[in-house]
Amino acid sequence: MYRPMMTGFAVLAVGAALLGGCKKAPDLAKGEALFKQHCAVCHPDGGNTITPQKTLHAKALAANNITKPEDIVKTMRNPGPGMNKFDQATIPDEDATAIAEYVVHTYK
């Protein structure tokens, strides 16, 4: 009885890991294209032409409590002084997330 029960738990654990752990891989090519379209003018090569100390490089982002793609999307939706606001009508959530994932993966 012990062995079948353990086998059942193992099957459940593997199934849960497969179903719960499935996360869509970021589409970095899409993010790059959207970044070039909407962001590169002010953020060439991850820099910042308006506020030079607020680049898109990981160290500068972390200094401003921006550490994950969700934080970047939040900033896009409600930016500080000097940055254009990119609302849902301008950049839909899926596209904003693609841009944010591109930034996180590119400007380490």
N, C-alpha and C. Protein backbone atom coordinates (compact mmCIF):
# COMPACT_ATOMS: atom_id res chain seq x y z
N MET A 1 0.81 -1.20 0.00
CA MET A 1 0.00 0.00 0.00
C MET A 1 0.86 1.26 0.00
N TYR A 2 1.96 1.22 0.66
CA TYR A 2 2.83 2.39 0.75
C TYR A 2 3.34 2.81 -0.63
N ARG A 3 3.82 1.84 -1.44
CA ARG A 3 4.39 2.15 -2.75
C ARG A 3 3.35 2.78 -3.69
N PRO A 4 2.15 2.23 -3.86
CA PRO A 4 1.16 2.86 -4.75
C PRO A 4 0.78 4.27 -4.29
N MET A 5 0.71 4.47 -2.98
CA MET A 5 0.37 5.79 -2.46
C MET A 5 1.47 6.79 -2.81
N MET A 6 2.73 6.40 -2.65
CA MET A 6 3.84 7.28 -2.97
C MET A 6 3.89 7.55 -4.47
N THR A 7 3.60 6.55 -5.28
CA THR A 7 3.56 6.73 -6.74
C THR A 7 2.48 7.74 -7.10
N GLY A 8 1.34 7.63 -6.44
CA GLY A 8 0.25 8.58 -6.69
C GLY A 8 0.64 10.00 -6.34
N PHE A 9 1.32 10.18 -5.21
CA PHE A 9 1.78 11.51 -4.83
C PHE A 9 2.80 12.05 -5.82
N ALA A 10 3.68 11.18 -6.28
CA ALA A 10 4.69 11.60 -7.25
C ALA A 10 4.03 12.06 -8.55
N VAL A 11 3.05 11.33 -9.02
CA VAL A 11 2.33 11.71 -10.24
C VAL A 11 1.63 13.05 -10.04
N LEU A 12 1.00 13.23 -8.90
CA LEU A 12 0.33 14.50 -8.61
C LEU A 12 1.33 15.65 -8.56
N ALA A 13 2.46 15.43 -7.94
CA ALA A 13 3.47 16.48 -7.82
C ALA A 13 4.02 16.87 -9.18
N VAL A 14 4.31 15.91 -10.01
CA VAL A 14 4.82 16.20 -11.36
C VAL A 14 3.76 16.93 -12.17
N GLY A 15 2.52 16.47 -12.09
CA GLY A 15 1.44 17.14 -12.82
C GLY A 15 1.26 18.58 -12.37
N ALA A 16 1.29 18.80 -11.08
CA ALA A 16 1.14 20.16 -10.56
C ALA A 16 2.30 21.04 -11.00
N ALA A 17 3.50 20.49 -10.99
CA ALA A 17 4.67 21.27 -11.42
C ALA A 17 4.55 21.63 -12.89
N LEU A 18 4.10 20.70 -13.70
CA LEU A 18 3.97 20.97 -15.13
C LEU A 18 2.88 21.99 -15.41
N LEU A 19 1.75 21.86 -14.75
CA LEU A 19 0.64 22.78 -14.98
C LEU A 19 0.89 24.14 -14.34
N GLY A 20 1.36 24.14 -13.12
CA GLY A 20 1.56 25.40 -12.40
C GLY A 20 2.82 26.13 -12.81
N GLY A 21 3.80 25.41 -13.32
CA GLY A 21 5.06 26.03 -13.67
C GLY A 21 5.14 26.49 -15.10
N CYS A 22 4.08 26.34 -15.86
CA CYS A 22 4.10 26.74 -17.26
C CYS A 22 3.92 28.25 -17.36
N LYS A 23 4.98 28.91 -17.69
CA LYS A 23 4.92 30.35 -17.87
C LYS A 23 5.42 30.66 -19.27
N LYS A 24 4.72 31.49 -19.97
CA LYS A 24 5.08 31.84 -21.33
C LYS A 24 6.43 32.55 -21.34
N ALA A 25 7.31 32.10 -22.20
CA ALA A 25 8.62 32.74 -22.33
C ALA A 25 8.44 34.13 -22.92
N PRO A 26 9.25 35.09 -22.48
CA PRO A 26 9.10 36.45 -23.01
C PRO A 26 9.44 36.49 -24.51
N ASP A 27 8.70 37.28 -25.24
CA ASP A 27 8.94 37.48 -26.67
C ASP A 27 9.86 38.69 -26.80
N LEU A 28 11.16 38.45 -26.70
CA LEU A 28 12.13 39.54 -26.68
C LEU A 28 12.21 40.27 -28.03
N ALA A 29 11.98 39.56 -29.13
CA ALA A 29 12.00 40.22 -30.43
C ALA A 29 10.85 41.23 -30.54
N LYS A 30 9.69 40.82 -30.07
CA LYS A 30 8.54 41.73 -30.06
C LYS A 30 8.82 42.91 -29.14
N GLY A 31 9.37 42.63 -27.96
CA GLY A 31 9.70 43.69 -27.02
C GLY A 31 10.71 44.67 -27.59
N GLU A 32 11.70 44.14 -28.28
CA GLU A 32 12.71 45.01 -28.90
C GLU A 32 12.09 45.91 -29.95
N ALA A 33 11.25 45.36 -30.81
CA ALA A 33 10.60 46.16 -31.85
C ALA A 33 9.73 47.26 -31.24
N LEU A 34 8.97 46.91 -30.21
CA LEU A 34 8.12 47.90 -29.54
C LEU A 34 8.95 48.94 -28.80
N PHE A 35 10.06 48.50 -28.19
CA PHE A 35 10.96 49.43 -27.50
C PHE A 35 11.50 50.45 -28.51
N LYS A 36 11.92 49.97 -29.66
CA LYS A 36 12.45 50.88 -30.69
C LYS A 36 11.38 51.87 -31.15
N GLN A 37 10.15 51.40 -31.24
CA GLN A 37 9.04 52.24 -31.70
C GLN A 37 8.64 53.30 -30.67
N HIS A 38 8.58 52.91 -29.39
CA HIS A 38 8.02 53.80 -28.38
C HIS A 38 9.04 54.42 -27.42
N CYS A 39 10.19 53.80 -27.22
CA CYS A 39 11.06 54.18 -26.11
C CYS A 39 12.47 54.64 -26.51
N ALA A 40 12.97 54.12 -27.63
CA ALA A 40 14.38 54.32 -27.97
C ALA A 40 14.77 55.78 -28.19
N VAL A 41 13.83 56.60 -28.56
CA VAL A 41 14.15 58.02 -28.79
C VAL A 41 14.71 58.65 -27.51
N CYS A 42 14.08 58.36 -26.38
CA CYS A 42 14.53 58.92 -25.10
C CYS A 42 15.48 57.98 -24.35
N HIS A 43 15.46 56.69 -24.72
CA HIS A 43 16.28 55.70 -24.02
C HIS A 43 17.20 54.94 -24.98
N PRO A 44 18.02 55.67 -25.76
CA PRO A 44 18.92 54.95 -26.68
C PRO A 44 19.92 54.10 -25.89
N ASP A 45 20.08 52.85 -26.31
CA ASP A 45 21.01 51.93 -25.65
C ASP A 45 20.78 51.84 -24.15
N GLY A 46 19.54 52.02 -23.71
CA GLY A 46 19.22 51.92 -22.30
C GLY A 46 19.54 53.17 -21.50
N GLY A 47 19.97 54.20 -22.18
CA GLY A 47 20.29 55.46 -21.49
C GLY A 47 19.02 56.27 -21.22
N ASN A 48 19.21 57.56 -20.97
CA ASN A 48 18.08 58.44 -20.73
C ASN A 48 18.50 59.84 -21.14
N THR A 49 17.90 60.35 -22.21
CA THR A 49 18.28 61.67 -22.73
C THR A 49 17.69 62.81 -21.91
N ILE A 50 16.67 62.55 -21.12
CA ILE A 50 16.01 63.59 -20.33
C ILE A 50 16.61 63.67 -18.93
N THR A 51 16.71 62.53 -18.27
CA THR A 51 17.27 62.45 -16.91
C THR A 51 18.38 61.40 -16.93
N PRO A 52 19.62 61.81 -17.26
CA PRO A 52 20.71 60.87 -17.49
C PRO A 52 20.97 59.87 -16.36
N GLN A 53 20.69 60.22 -15.11
CA GLN A 53 20.94 59.28 -14.01
C GLN A 53 19.89 58.19 -13.91
N LYS A 54 18.77 58.33 -14.61
CA LYS A 54 17.70 57.32 -14.56
C LYS A 54 17.71 56.51 -15.86
N THR A 55 18.74 55.68 -16.00
CA THR A 55 18.83 54.83 -17.18
C THR A 55 17.98 53.58 -16.99
N LEU A 56 18.00 52.74 -17.99
CA LEU A 56 17.27 51.48 -17.93
C LEU A 56 18.17 50.32 -17.52
N HIS A 57 19.37 50.60 -17.13
CA HIS A 57 20.29 49.55 -16.68
C HIS A 57 19.89 49.10 -15.28
N ALA A 58 20.08 47.83 -15.02
CA ALA A 58 19.58 47.18 -13.80
C ALA A 58 19.95 47.94 -12.53
N LYS A 59 21.17 48.40 -12.43
CA LYS A 59 21.61 49.10 -11.21
C LYS A 59 20.82 50.39 -10.99
N ALA A 60 20.62 51.16 -12.05
CA ALA A 60 19.86 52.40 -11.94
C ALA A 60 18.38 52.12 -11.66
N LEU A 61 17.84 51.10 -12.32
CA LEU A 61 16.44 50.75 -12.06
C LEU A 61 16.26 50.32 -10.61
N ALA A 62 17.15 49.47 -10.12
CA ALA A 62 17.06 48.99 -8.74
C ALA A 62 17.14 50.15 -7.75
N ALA A 63 17.96 51.15 -8.06
CA ALA A 63 18.08 52.32 -7.19
C ALA A 63 16.76 53.09 -7.10
N ASN A 64 15.89 52.87 -8.08
CA ASN A 64 14.57 53.51 -8.09
C ASN A 64 13.45 52.51 -7.81
N ASN A 65 13.81 51.39 -7.15
CA ASN A 65 12.87 50.34 -6.76
C ASN A 65 12.12 49.73 -7.94
N ILE A 66 12.79 49.63 -9.08
CA ILE A 66 12.23 48.99 -10.26
C ILE A 66 13.10 47.76 -10.51
N THR A 67 12.56 46.58 -10.18
CA THR A 67 13.36 45.37 -10.25
C THR A 67 12.76 44.26 -11.12
N LYS A 68 11.52 44.44 -11.56
CA LYS A 68 10.87 43.39 -12.37
C LYS A 68 10.02 44.05 -13.45
N PRO A 69 9.64 43.27 -14.46
CA PRO A 69 8.86 43.85 -15.56
C PRO A 69 7.60 44.59 -15.11
N GLU A 70 6.93 44.08 -14.09
CA GLU A 70 5.70 44.72 -13.61
C GLU A 70 5.98 46.16 -13.14
N ASP A 71 7.16 46.36 -12.55
CA ASP A 71 7.53 47.70 -12.08
C ASP A 71 7.73 48.65 -13.26
N ILE A 72 8.28 48.13 -14.34
CA ILE A 72 8.50 48.97 -15.53
C ILE A 72 7.16 49.35 -16.14
N VAL A 73 6.25 48.39 -16.24
CA VAL A 73 4.91 48.69 -16.79
C VAL A 73 4.22 49.74 -15.91
N LYS A 74 4.33 49.60 -14.61
CA LYS A 74 3.73 50.58 -13.69
C LYS A 74 4.30 51.98 -13.94
N THR A 75 5.60 52.05 -14.18
CA THR A 75 6.24 53.34 -14.46
C THR A 75 5.79 53.88 -15.81
N MET A 76 5.63 53.01 -16.79
CA MET A 76 5.14 53.45 -18.10
C MET A 76 3.73 54.04 -17.98
N ARG A 77 2.92 53.45 -17.12
CA ARG A 77 1.53 53.89 -16.96
C ARG A 77 1.42 55.17 -16.12
N ASN A 78 2.33 55.36 -15.21
CA ASN A 78 2.29 56.53 -14.32
C ASN A 78 3.71 57.03 -14.07
N PRO A 79 4.32 57.64 -15.10
CA PRO A 79 5.72 58.04 -14.99
C PRO A 79 5.92 59.31 -14.16
N GLY A 80 7.16 59.55 -13.87
CA GLY A 80 7.52 60.78 -13.18
C GLY A 80 7.71 61.91 -14.18
N PRO A 81 8.18 63.05 -13.70
CA PRO A 81 8.39 64.21 -14.56
C PRO A 81 9.37 63.89 -15.69
N GLY A 82 9.05 64.37 -16.88
CA GLY A 82 9.94 64.24 -18.02
C GLY A 82 9.66 63.05 -18.91
N MET A 83 8.82 62.11 -18.45
CA MET A 83 8.53 60.93 -19.27
C MET A 83 7.07 60.96 -19.71
N ASN A 84 6.87 60.63 -20.99
CA ASN A 84 5.51 60.54 -21.51
C ASN A 84 4.76 59.40 -20.83
N LYS A 85 3.46 59.60 -20.66
CA LYS A 85 2.61 58.56 -20.09
C LYS A 85 2.15 57.64 -21.22
N PHE A 86 2.34 56.34 -21.03
CA PHE A 86 1.91 55.35 -22.00
C PHE A 86 0.74 54.57 -21.41
N ASP A 87 -0.48 55.02 -21.72
CA ASP A 87 -1.66 54.37 -21.16
C ASP A 87 -2.02 53.13 -21.97
N GLN A 88 -3.04 52.41 -21.51
CA GLN A 88 -3.49 51.17 -22.13
C GLN A 88 -3.87 51.38 -23.60
N ALA A 89 -4.43 52.53 -23.94
CA ALA A 89 -4.84 52.81 -25.32
C ALA A 89 -3.62 53.00 -26.23
N THR A 90 -2.55 53.54 -25.68
CA THR A 90 -1.33 53.78 -26.46
C THR A 90 -0.51 52.50 -26.60
N ILE A 91 -0.29 51.82 -25.49
CA ILE A 91 0.46 50.56 -25.48
C ILE A 91 -0.34 49.57 -24.63
N PRO A 92 -0.99 48.61 -25.28
CA PRO A 92 -1.77 47.60 -24.53
C PRO A 92 -0.87 46.84 -23.55
N ASP A 93 -1.49 46.26 -22.52
CA ASP A 93 -0.75 45.56 -21.47
C ASP A 93 0.21 44.51 -22.01
N GLU A 94 -0.22 43.72 -22.98
CA GLU A 94 0.65 42.68 -23.54
C GLU A 94 1.91 43.28 -24.16
N ASP A 95 1.74 44.40 -24.88
CA ASP A 95 2.90 45.06 -25.49
C ASP A 95 3.78 45.73 -24.45
N ALA A 96 3.16 46.35 -23.45
CA ALA A 96 3.93 46.98 -22.38
C ALA A 96 4.76 45.94 -21.64
N THR A 97 4.17 44.78 -21.40
CA THR A 97 4.91 43.70 -20.74
C THR A 97 6.06 43.21 -21.61
N ALA A 98 5.84 43.11 -22.91
CA ALA A 98 6.92 42.70 -23.83
C ALA A 98 8.07 43.69 -23.79
N ILE A 99 7.77 44.98 -23.76
CA ILE A 99 8.81 46.01 -23.66
C ILE A 99 9.55 45.85 -22.34
N ALA A 100 8.82 45.71 -21.26
CA ALA A 100 9.42 45.60 -19.94
C ALA A 100 10.33 44.38 -19.83
N GLU A 101 9.88 43.26 -20.36
CA GLU A 101 10.71 42.04 -20.33
C GLU A 101 11.97 42.22 -21.17
N TYR A 102 11.84 42.90 -22.29
CA TYR A 102 13.01 43.20 -23.12
C TYR A 102 14.01 44.04 -22.35
N VAL A 103 13.53 45.06 -21.67
CA VAL A 103 14.41 45.94 -20.89
C VAL A 103 15.14 45.15 -19.80
N VAL A 104 14.40 44.36 -19.04
CA VAL A 104 14.99 43.57 -17.96
C VAL A 104 16.05 42.60 -18.48
N HIS A 105 15.78 41.95 -19.61
CA HIS A 105 16.71 40.97 -20.17
C HIS A 105 17.89 41.60 -20.90
N THR A 106 17.72 42.81 -21.39
CA THR A 106 18.74 43.44 -22.23
C THR A 106 19.71 44.32 -21.45
N TYR A 107 19.20 45.12 -20.54
CA TYR A 107 20.03 46.11 -19.85
C TYR A 107 20.37 45.66 -18.44
N LYS A 108 21.11 44.56 -18.36
CA LYS A 108 21.48 43.97 -17.07
C LYS A 108 22.58 44.72 -16.39
